[in-house]
């Protein structure tokens, strides 16, 4: 894998009739933003050959929307239960189990593990925010909902783009 795209799921809802955090769906804004983020990612590239997601409802909706919006094959999408509220070690393990033949992987998961994982990425990997639909001024204060971070192995400099 040469590119790892790390995405925090789109904005989710807290409906009164949903008791379990795992089952929380996307809210109206989240559902509206997914096709736009897919368009931005498709325009900016690289296109993921594998989309790996937590199976929680909000991450699942985000991942399925990305597959649709990117025009990717259904086989591109993989769900792994270990990604739900995963810690950094689990995120490293799960993404590390994917075949090296993938040039680009999009991993969709949750905070706080996602932010902790990004903070621990090896210094040899250049880190920068690829896209942020929301709160581009807050990128230095963590990973806002529905942002994408691109990690490029072997890159020498860090740059950022906020759309």
N, C-alpha and C. Protein backbone atom coordinates (compact mmCIF):
# COMPACT_ATOMS: atom_id res chain seq x y z
N UNK A 1 0.85 -1.18 0.00
CA UNK A 1 0.00 0.00 0.00
C UNK A 1 0.89 1.24 0.00
N UNK A 2 0.61 2.13 -0.92
CA UNK A 2 1.37 3.36 -1.02
C UNK A 2 0.62 4.55 -0.43
N UNK A 3 -0.70 4.49 -0.48
CA UNK A 3 -1.54 5.57 0.06
C UNK A 3 -2.56 4.99 1.03
N UNK A 4 -2.64 5.59 2.18
CA UNK A 4 -3.67 5.24 3.15
C UNK A 4 -4.49 6.49 3.39
N UNK A 5 -5.77 6.43 3.02
CA UNK A 5 -6.69 7.53 3.27
C UNK A 5 -7.47 7.17 4.52
N UNK A 6 -7.42 8.04 5.51
CA UNK A 6 -8.08 7.80 6.78
C UNK A 6 -9.24 8.78 6.89
N UNK A 7 -10.45 8.24 7.04
CA UNK A 7 -11.64 9.08 7.06
C UNK A 7 -12.42 8.87 8.35
N UNK A 8 -12.81 9.97 8.93
CA UNK A 8 -13.78 9.91 10.02
C UNK A 8 -15.16 9.96 9.37
N UNK A 9 -16.08 9.12 9.82
CA UNK A 9 -17.41 9.02 9.24
C UNK A 9 -18.10 10.38 9.16
N UNK A 10 -19.12 10.46 8.30
CA UNK A 10 -19.90 11.69 8.14
C UNK A 10 -20.70 11.98 9.41
N UNK A 11 -21.25 13.18 9.47
CA UNK A 11 -21.99 13.65 10.65
C UNK A 11 -23.16 12.71 10.98
N UNK A 12 -23.23 12.31 12.23
CA UNK A 12 -24.26 11.35 12.64
C UNK A 12 -25.31 11.99 13.52
N UNK A 13 -26.40 11.25 13.67
CA UNK A 13 -27.54 11.70 14.47
C UNK A 13 -27.53 10.99 15.82
N UNK A 14 -28.30 11.53 16.75
CA UNK A 14 -28.51 10.95 18.06
C UNK A 14 -30.02 10.78 18.28
N UNK A 15 -30.68 9.95 17.46
CA UNK A 15 -32.14 9.83 17.60
C UNK A 15 -32.53 9.20 18.94
N UNK A 16 -33.62 9.69 19.49
CA UNK A 16 -34.10 9.21 20.80
C UNK A 16 -34.48 7.74 20.76
N UNK A 17 -34.90 7.24 19.61
CA UNK A 17 -35.34 5.85 19.54
C UNK A 17 -34.20 4.86 19.26
N UNK A 18 -32.95 5.35 19.19
CA UNK A 18 -31.80 4.47 18.98
C UNK A 18 -30.98 4.45 20.26
N UNK A 19 -31.03 3.34 20.95
CA UNK A 19 -30.37 3.22 22.26
C UNK A 19 -28.90 2.86 22.15
N UNK A 20 -28.52 2.12 21.13
CA UNK A 20 -27.16 1.62 21.01
C UNK A 20 -26.33 2.53 20.11
N UNK A 21 -25.18 2.97 20.58
CA UNK A 21 -24.29 3.84 19.81
C UNK A 21 -23.96 3.23 18.44
N UNK A 22 -23.80 1.92 18.38
CA UNK A 22 -23.46 1.23 17.14
C UNK A 22 -24.50 1.48 16.04
N UNK A 23 -25.73 1.68 16.43
CA UNK A 23 -26.84 1.81 15.48
C UNK A 23 -27.16 3.25 15.08
N UNK A 24 -26.38 4.21 15.58
CA UNK A 24 -26.65 5.61 15.23
C UNK A 24 -26.45 5.85 13.74
N UNK A 25 -27.46 6.42 13.06
CA UNK A 25 -27.36 6.68 11.62
C UNK A 25 -26.71 8.04 11.34
N UNK A 26 -26.50 8.31 10.07
CA UNK A 26 -26.09 9.65 9.67
C UNK A 26 -27.28 10.59 9.83
N UNK A 27 -26.98 11.85 10.10
CA UNK A 27 -28.06 12.83 10.12
C UNK A 27 -28.25 13.37 8.71
N UNK A 28 -29.17 14.31 8.56
CA UNK A 28 -29.50 14.85 7.24
C UNK A 28 -28.26 15.45 6.57
N UNK A 29 -27.50 16.24 7.31
CA UNK A 29 -26.29 16.85 6.74
C UNK A 29 -25.28 15.79 6.33
N UNK A 30 -25.11 14.77 7.17
CA UNK A 30 -24.18 13.69 6.85
C UNK A 30 -24.54 12.99 5.55
N UNK A 31 -25.83 12.67 5.38
CA UNK A 31 -26.28 12.01 4.15
C UNK A 31 -26.09 12.92 2.93
N UNK A 32 -26.28 14.21 3.13
CA UNK A 32 -26.11 15.17 2.03
C UNK A 32 -24.63 15.35 1.67
N UNK A 33 -23.75 15.28 2.66
CA UNK A 33 -22.33 15.52 2.43
C UNK A 33 -21.60 14.37 1.74
N UNK A 34 -22.07 13.14 1.93
CA UNK A 34 -21.34 11.98 1.41
C UNK A 34 -21.10 12.06 -0.10
N UNK A 35 -22.12 12.33 -0.93
CA UNK A 35 -21.84 12.41 -2.38
C UNK A 35 -20.87 13.53 -2.74
N UNK A 36 -20.92 14.64 -2.01
CA UNK A 36 -20.00 15.75 -2.27
C UNK A 36 -18.57 15.35 -1.93
N UNK A 37 -18.39 14.64 -0.82
CA UNK A 37 -17.04 14.20 -0.45
C UNK A 37 -16.52 13.21 -1.47
N UNK A 38 -17.36 12.33 -1.96
CA UNK A 38 -16.94 11.38 -3.00
C UNK A 38 -16.50 12.13 -4.25
N UNK A 39 -17.24 13.16 -4.63
CA UNK A 39 -16.86 13.98 -5.79
C UNK A 39 -15.50 14.64 -5.58
N UNK A 40 -15.31 15.20 -4.38
CA UNK A 40 -14.03 15.85 -4.09
C UNK A 40 -12.88 14.85 -4.11
N UNK A 41 -13.09 13.70 -3.50
CA UNK A 41 -12.05 12.68 -3.47
C UNK A 41 -11.74 12.19 -4.88
N UNK A 42 -12.75 11.99 -5.68
CA UNK A 42 -12.56 11.54 -7.06
C UNK A 42 -11.78 12.59 -7.86
N UNK A 43 -12.07 13.86 -7.62
CA UNK A 43 -11.38 14.94 -8.33
C UNK A 43 -9.93 15.08 -7.88
N UNK A 44 -9.72 14.93 -6.59
CA UNK A 44 -8.39 15.15 -6.03
C UNK A 44 -7.53 13.89 -6.11
N UNK A 45 -8.15 12.72 -6.02
CA UNK A 45 -7.45 11.45 -6.08
C UNK A 45 -6.60 11.21 -4.87
N UNK A 46 -5.98 10.11 -4.74
CA UNK A 46 -6.11 8.92 -5.57
C UNK A 46 -7.38 8.14 -5.23
N UNK A 47 -7.85 7.33 -6.18
CA UNK A 47 -9.06 6.54 -5.97
C UNK A 47 -8.71 5.28 -5.19
N UNK A 48 -9.43 5.01 -4.12
CA UNK A 48 -9.13 3.80 -3.34
C UNK A 48 -9.51 2.52 -4.07
N UNK A 49 -8.64 1.54 -3.94
CA UNK A 49 -8.91 0.21 -4.50
C UNK A 49 -9.62 -0.66 -3.47
N UNK A 50 -9.60 -0.21 -2.22
CA UNK A 50 -10.26 -0.92 -1.13
C UNK A 50 -10.81 0.12 -0.16
N UNK A 51 -12.07 -0.05 0.21
CA UNK A 51 -12.68 0.80 1.24
C UNK A 51 -12.98 -0.11 2.42
N UNK A 52 -12.28 0.13 3.51
CA UNK A 52 -12.39 -0.68 4.72
C UNK A 52 -13.10 0.14 5.77
N UNK A 53 -14.18 -0.39 6.34
CA UNK A 53 -15.01 0.41 7.23
C UNK A 53 -15.45 -0.35 8.46
N UNK A 54 -15.66 0.41 9.51
CA UNK A 54 -16.38 -0.08 10.67
C UNK A 54 -17.79 -0.42 10.21
N UNK A 55 -18.42 -1.45 10.79
CA UNK A 55 -19.79 -1.78 10.41
C UNK A 55 -20.86 -0.99 11.15
N UNK A 56 -20.46 -0.08 12.04
CA UNK A 56 -21.45 0.74 12.74
C UNK A 56 -22.27 1.51 11.70
N UNK A 57 -23.53 1.75 12.00
CA UNK A 57 -24.46 2.33 11.02
C UNK A 57 -23.92 3.60 10.36
N UNK A 58 -23.37 4.53 11.15
CA UNK A 58 -22.92 5.80 10.58
C UNK A 58 -21.70 5.62 9.68
N UNK A 59 -20.81 4.70 10.03
CA UNK A 59 -19.65 4.42 9.19
C UNK A 59 -20.08 3.63 7.95
N UNK A 60 -20.99 2.69 8.13
CA UNK A 60 -21.50 1.89 7.02
C UNK A 60 -22.17 2.79 5.98
N UNK A 61 -23.02 3.72 6.42
CA UNK A 61 -23.68 4.63 5.48
C UNK A 61 -22.65 5.48 4.74
N UNK A 62 -21.64 5.94 5.47
CA UNK A 62 -20.58 6.74 4.85
C UNK A 62 -19.85 5.91 3.80
N UNK A 63 -19.46 4.69 4.16
CA UNK A 63 -18.71 3.82 3.24
C UNK A 63 -19.52 3.46 2.01
N UNK A 64 -20.78 3.09 2.22
CA UNK A 64 -21.63 2.73 1.08
C UNK A 64 -21.84 3.93 0.15
N UNK A 65 -21.96 5.11 0.73
CA UNK A 65 -22.09 6.32 -0.08
C UNK A 65 -20.82 6.64 -0.84
N UNK A 66 -19.67 6.36 -0.23
CA UNK A 66 -18.41 6.60 -0.93
C UNK A 66 -18.26 5.63 -2.09
N UNK A 67 -18.61 4.36 -1.90
CA UNK A 67 -18.54 3.38 -2.98
C UNK A 67 -19.41 3.85 -4.15
N UNK A 68 -20.64 4.24 -3.84
CA UNK A 68 -21.56 4.71 -4.87
C UNK A 68 -21.04 5.97 -5.55
N UNK A 69 -20.63 6.94 -4.75
CA UNK A 69 -20.17 8.22 -5.29
C UNK A 69 -18.88 8.12 -6.10
N UNK A 70 -18.02 7.17 -5.73
CA UNK A 70 -16.77 6.98 -6.47
C UNK A 70 -16.96 6.08 -7.68
N UNK A 71 -18.14 5.46 -7.78
CA UNK A 71 -18.39 4.53 -8.88
C UNK A 71 -17.56 3.27 -8.73
N UNK A 72 -17.26 2.90 -7.49
CA UNK A 72 -16.43 1.72 -7.22
C UNK A 72 -17.28 0.45 -7.25
N UNK A 73 -16.64 -0.66 -7.48
CA UNK A 73 -17.33 -1.95 -7.46
C UNK A 73 -17.69 -2.31 -6.03
N UNK A 74 -18.80 -3.01 -5.86
CA UNK A 74 -19.26 -3.41 -4.52
C UNK A 74 -18.19 -4.23 -3.79
N UNK A 75 -17.39 -4.99 -4.51
CA UNK A 75 -16.34 -5.82 -3.89
C UNK A 75 -15.23 -4.98 -3.27
N UNK A 76 -15.19 -3.71 -3.61
CA UNK A 76 -14.20 -2.79 -3.06
C UNK A 76 -14.42 -2.60 -1.57
N UNK A 77 -15.65 -2.75 -1.11
CA UNK A 77 -16.05 -2.43 0.26
C UNK A 77 -15.92 -3.64 1.18
N UNK A 78 -15.17 -3.44 2.26
CA UNK A 78 -14.99 -4.47 3.28
C UNK A 78 -15.37 -3.89 4.64
N UNK A 79 -16.09 -4.66 5.45
CA UNK A 79 -16.42 -4.25 6.81
C UNK A 79 -15.67 -5.13 7.78
N UNK A 80 -15.15 -4.52 8.84
CA UNK A 80 -14.45 -5.28 9.87
C UNK A 80 -14.92 -4.79 11.23
N UNK A 81 -15.52 -5.68 12.00
CA UNK A 81 -16.08 -5.32 13.31
C UNK A 81 -15.03 -4.74 14.25
N UNK A 82 -13.78 -5.10 14.04
CA UNK A 82 -12.72 -4.59 14.92
C UNK A 82 -12.52 -3.08 14.80
N UNK A 83 -13.02 -2.48 13.72
CA UNK A 83 -12.84 -1.03 13.52
C UNK A 83 -13.82 -0.19 14.33
N UNK A 84 -14.86 -0.80 14.88
CA UNK A 84 -15.82 -0.03 15.68
C UNK A 84 -15.16 0.38 16.99
N UNK A 85 -15.00 1.69 17.18
CA UNK A 85 -14.36 2.28 18.35
C UNK A 85 -12.99 1.67 18.63
N UNK A 86 -12.27 1.37 17.56
CA UNK A 86 -10.96 0.72 17.67
C UNK A 86 -9.90 1.65 18.25
N UNK A 87 -8.96 1.04 18.97
CA UNK A 87 -7.80 1.78 19.47
C UNK A 87 -6.73 1.80 18.37
N UNK A 88 -5.69 2.60 18.52
CA UNK A 88 -4.67 2.72 17.47
C UNK A 88 -4.01 1.39 17.10
N UNK A 89 -3.77 0.54 18.06
CA UNK A 89 -3.13 -0.75 17.78
C UNK A 89 -4.01 -1.60 16.87
N UNK A 90 -5.31 -1.60 17.15
CA UNK A 90 -6.24 -2.38 16.32
C UNK A 90 -6.33 -1.81 14.92
N UNK A 91 -6.37 -0.49 14.79
CA UNK A 91 -6.41 0.14 13.47
C UNK A 91 -5.17 -0.23 12.66
N UNK A 92 -4.01 -0.22 13.30
CA UNK A 92 -2.76 -0.61 12.64
C UNK A 92 -2.82 -2.07 12.22
N UNK A 93 -3.30 -2.93 13.10
CA UNK A 93 -3.38 -4.36 12.81
C UNK A 93 -4.32 -4.64 11.64
N UNK A 94 -5.52 -4.08 11.68
CA UNK A 94 -6.51 -4.36 10.65
C UNK A 94 -6.06 -3.86 9.28
N UNK A 95 -5.56 -2.64 9.21
CA UNK A 95 -5.10 -2.13 7.91
C UNK A 95 -3.85 -2.88 7.44
N UNK A 96 -3.03 -3.32 8.38
CA UNK A 96 -1.82 -4.07 8.03
C UNK A 96 -2.10 -5.46 7.49
N UNK A 97 -3.27 -5.98 7.75
CA UNK A 97 -3.66 -7.31 7.25
C UNK A 97 -4.10 -7.29 5.79
N UNK A 98 -4.32 -6.11 5.23
CA UNK A 98 -4.75 -6.02 3.84
C UNK A 98 -3.59 -6.33 2.90
N UNK A 99 -3.89 -6.88 1.73
CA UNK A 99 -2.82 -7.23 0.78
C UNK A 99 -2.00 -6.02 0.35
N UNK A 100 -0.72 -6.23 0.17
CA UNK A 100 0.18 -5.17 -0.30
C UNK A 100 -0.14 -4.73 -1.72
N UNK A 101 -0.91 -5.52 -2.43
CA UNK A 101 -1.24 -5.19 -3.81
C UNK A 101 -2.12 -3.95 -3.95
N UNK A 102 -2.80 -3.56 -2.87
CA UNK A 102 -3.62 -2.34 -2.93
C UNK A 102 -2.70 -1.12 -2.97
N UNK A 103 -2.90 -0.26 -3.95
CA UNK A 103 -2.13 0.97 -4.01
C UNK A 103 -2.69 2.02 -3.07
N UNK A 104 -4.03 2.05 -2.93
CA UNK A 104 -4.70 3.04 -2.07
C UNK A 104 -5.84 2.37 -1.32
N UNK A 105 -5.87 2.61 -0.02
CA UNK A 105 -6.92 2.10 0.85
C UNK A 105 -7.58 3.29 1.54
N UNK A 106 -8.91 3.25 1.63
CA UNK A 106 -9.66 4.22 2.41
C UNK A 106 -10.20 3.50 3.64
N UNK A 107 -9.77 3.94 4.82
CA UNK A 107 -10.23 3.34 6.08
C UNK A 107 -11.19 4.32 6.75
N UNK A 108 -12.39 3.85 7.10
CA UNK A 108 -13.42 4.70 7.71
C UNK A 108 -13.69 4.19 9.11
N UNK A 109 -13.47 5.06 10.10
CA UNK A 109 -13.61 4.63 11.49
C UNK A 109 -14.06 5.80 12.37
N UNK A 110 -13.75 5.70 13.66
CA UNK A 110 -14.31 6.59 14.68
C UNK A 110 -13.22 7.19 15.58
N UNK A 111 -13.56 8.32 16.18
CA UNK A 111 -12.74 8.89 17.24
C UNK A 111 -13.15 8.25 18.56
N UNK A 112 -12.32 8.25 19.57
CA UNK A 112 -11.02 8.91 19.67
C UNK A 112 -9.86 8.10 19.08
N UNK A 113 -10.09 6.81 18.79
CA UNK A 113 -9.01 5.97 18.30
C UNK A 113 -8.38 6.46 17.01
N UNK A 114 -9.19 7.04 16.14
CA UNK A 114 -8.69 7.53 14.87
C UNK A 114 -7.66 8.64 15.07
N UNK A 115 -7.99 9.63 15.91
CA UNK A 115 -7.05 10.72 16.17
C UNK A 115 -5.78 10.20 16.86
N UNK A 116 -5.94 9.29 17.78
CA UNK A 116 -4.78 8.73 18.48
C UNK A 116 -3.89 7.96 17.51
N UNK A 117 -4.50 7.27 16.57
CA UNK A 117 -3.75 6.50 15.57
C UNK A 117 -2.94 7.43 14.68
N UNK A 118 -3.58 8.49 14.19
CA UNK A 118 -2.91 9.44 13.31
C UNK A 118 -1.72 10.07 14.03
N UNK A 119 -1.88 10.38 15.31
CA UNK A 119 -0.79 10.98 16.08
C UNK A 119 0.41 10.04 16.21
N UNK A 120 0.18 8.75 16.10
CA UNK A 120 1.24 7.76 16.27
C UNK A 120 1.84 7.27 14.96
N UNK A 121 1.37 7.77 13.84
CA UNK A 121 1.90 7.28 12.57
C UNK A 121 3.40 7.54 12.51
N UNK A 122 4.15 6.62 11.90
CA UNK A 122 5.61 6.77 11.84
C UNK A 122 6.03 8.08 11.19
N UNK A 123 7.10 8.65 11.67
CA UNK A 123 7.56 9.94 11.15
C UNK A 123 8.01 9.84 9.69
N UNK A 124 8.31 8.64 9.21
CA UNK A 124 8.72 8.48 7.82
C UNK A 124 7.54 8.65 6.86
N UNK A 125 6.32 8.67 7.42
CA UNK A 125 5.14 8.88 6.59
C UNK A 125 4.75 10.34 6.66
N UNK A 126 4.60 10.96 5.52
CA UNK A 126 4.17 12.35 5.46
C UNK A 126 2.67 12.39 5.69
N UNK A 127 2.23 13.27 6.61
CA UNK A 127 0.82 13.35 6.94
C UNK A 127 0.26 14.70 6.51
N UNK A 128 -0.87 14.69 5.89
CA UNK A 128 -1.54 15.95 5.62
C UNK A 128 -3.02 15.71 5.35
N UNK A 129 -3.78 16.72 5.65
CA UNK A 129 -5.21 16.63 5.39
C UNK A 129 -5.46 16.81 3.91
N UNK A 130 -6.19 15.87 3.37
CA UNK A 130 -6.51 15.90 1.96
C UNK A 130 -7.78 16.70 1.72
N UNK A 131 -8.79 16.40 2.47
CA UNK A 131 -10.07 17.06 2.28
C UNK A 131 -10.76 17.26 3.62
N UNK A 132 -11.40 18.37 3.77
CA UNK A 132 -12.26 18.55 4.93
C UNK A 132 -13.47 19.33 4.48
N UNK A 133 -14.62 18.70 4.58
CA UNK A 133 -15.86 19.35 4.19
C UNK A 133 -16.29 20.38 5.23
N UNK A 134 -15.95 20.11 6.49
CA UNK A 134 -16.45 20.92 7.59
C UNK A 134 -15.30 21.45 8.43
N UNK A 135 -15.42 22.64 8.92
CA UNK A 135 -14.47 23.22 9.87
C UNK A 135 -13.01 23.16 9.42
N UNK A 136 -12.66 23.61 8.21
CA UNK A 136 -11.27 23.54 7.78
C UNK A 136 -10.33 24.34 8.67
N UNK A 137 -10.84 25.31 9.41
CA UNK A 137 -10.00 26.10 10.31
C UNK A 137 -9.66 25.34 11.59
N UNK A 138 -10.29 24.22 11.85
CA UNK A 138 -10.08 23.48 13.08
C UNK A 138 -9.23 22.22 12.88
N UNK A 139 -8.61 22.05 11.71
CA UNK A 139 -7.87 20.83 11.43
C UNK A 139 -6.69 20.63 12.36
N UNK A 140 -6.14 21.67 12.92
CA UNK A 140 -5.02 21.52 13.83
C UNK A 140 -5.47 21.11 15.23
N UNK A 141 -6.77 21.08 15.47
CA UNK A 141 -7.30 20.72 16.79
C UNK A 141 -7.91 19.33 16.79
N UNK A 142 -7.52 18.46 15.88
CA UNK A 142 -8.07 17.12 15.81
C UNK A 142 -8.67 16.86 14.45
N UNK A 143 -9.36 15.75 14.34
CA UNK A 143 -9.96 15.35 13.07
C UNK A 143 -11.45 15.60 13.14
N UNK A 144 -11.94 16.63 12.46
CA UNK A 144 -13.38 16.91 12.48
C UNK A 144 -14.17 15.78 11.81
N UNK A 145 -15.44 15.72 12.09
CA UNK A 145 -16.31 14.77 11.43
C UNK A 145 -16.17 14.92 9.92
N UNK A 146 -16.07 13.78 9.25
CA UNK A 146 -16.03 13.69 7.80
C UNK A 146 -14.86 14.44 7.19
N UNK A 147 -13.68 14.15 7.69
CA UNK A 147 -12.44 14.64 7.10
C UNK A 147 -11.66 13.44 6.60
N UNK A 148 -10.76 13.69 5.68
CA UNK A 148 -9.91 12.63 5.15
C UNK A 148 -8.46 13.04 5.35
N UNK A 149 -7.67 12.13 5.86
CA UNK A 149 -6.24 12.33 6.03
C UNK A 149 -5.54 11.39 5.08
N UNK A 150 -4.56 11.88 4.37
CA UNK A 150 -3.80 11.03 3.43
C UNK A 150 -2.40 10.81 3.97
N UNK A 151 -2.01 9.55 4.05
CA UNK A 151 -0.67 9.18 4.49
C UNK A 151 0.04 8.57 3.29
N UNK A 152 1.16 9.15 2.91
CA UNK A 152 1.90 8.70 1.74
C UNK A 152 3.23 8.13 2.21
N UNK A 153 3.46 6.88 1.95
CA UNK A 153 4.73 6.29 2.35
C UNK A 153 5.85 6.85 1.50
N UNK A 154 6.92 7.25 2.16
CA UNK A 154 8.11 7.73 1.48
C UNK A 154 8.07 9.18 1.05
N UNK A 155 6.99 9.90 1.32
CA UNK A 155 6.91 11.31 0.94
C UNK A 155 7.85 12.14 1.80
N UNK A 156 8.40 13.19 1.24
CA UNK A 156 9.39 13.99 1.95
C UNK A 156 8.85 15.24 2.58
N UNK A 157 7.76 15.79 2.07
CA UNK A 157 7.29 17.04 2.64
C UNK A 157 5.80 16.96 2.96
N UNK A 158 5.37 17.81 3.84
CA UNK A 158 3.99 17.84 4.25
C UNK A 158 3.31 19.04 3.60
N UNK A 159 2.14 18.82 3.06
CA UNK A 159 1.36 19.92 2.51
C UNK A 159 -0.08 19.69 2.89
N UNK A 160 -0.89 20.73 2.78
CA UNK A 160 -2.30 20.56 3.14
C UNK A 160 -3.19 21.26 2.14
N UNK A 161 -4.33 20.68 1.97
CA UNK A 161 -5.36 21.26 1.11
C UNK A 161 -6.67 21.16 1.86
N UNK A 162 -7.38 22.26 1.95
CA UNK A 162 -8.68 22.27 2.61
C UNK A 162 -9.70 22.74 1.59
N UNK A 163 -10.68 21.89 1.32
CA UNK A 163 -11.70 22.24 0.33
C UNK A 163 -13.00 22.53 1.01
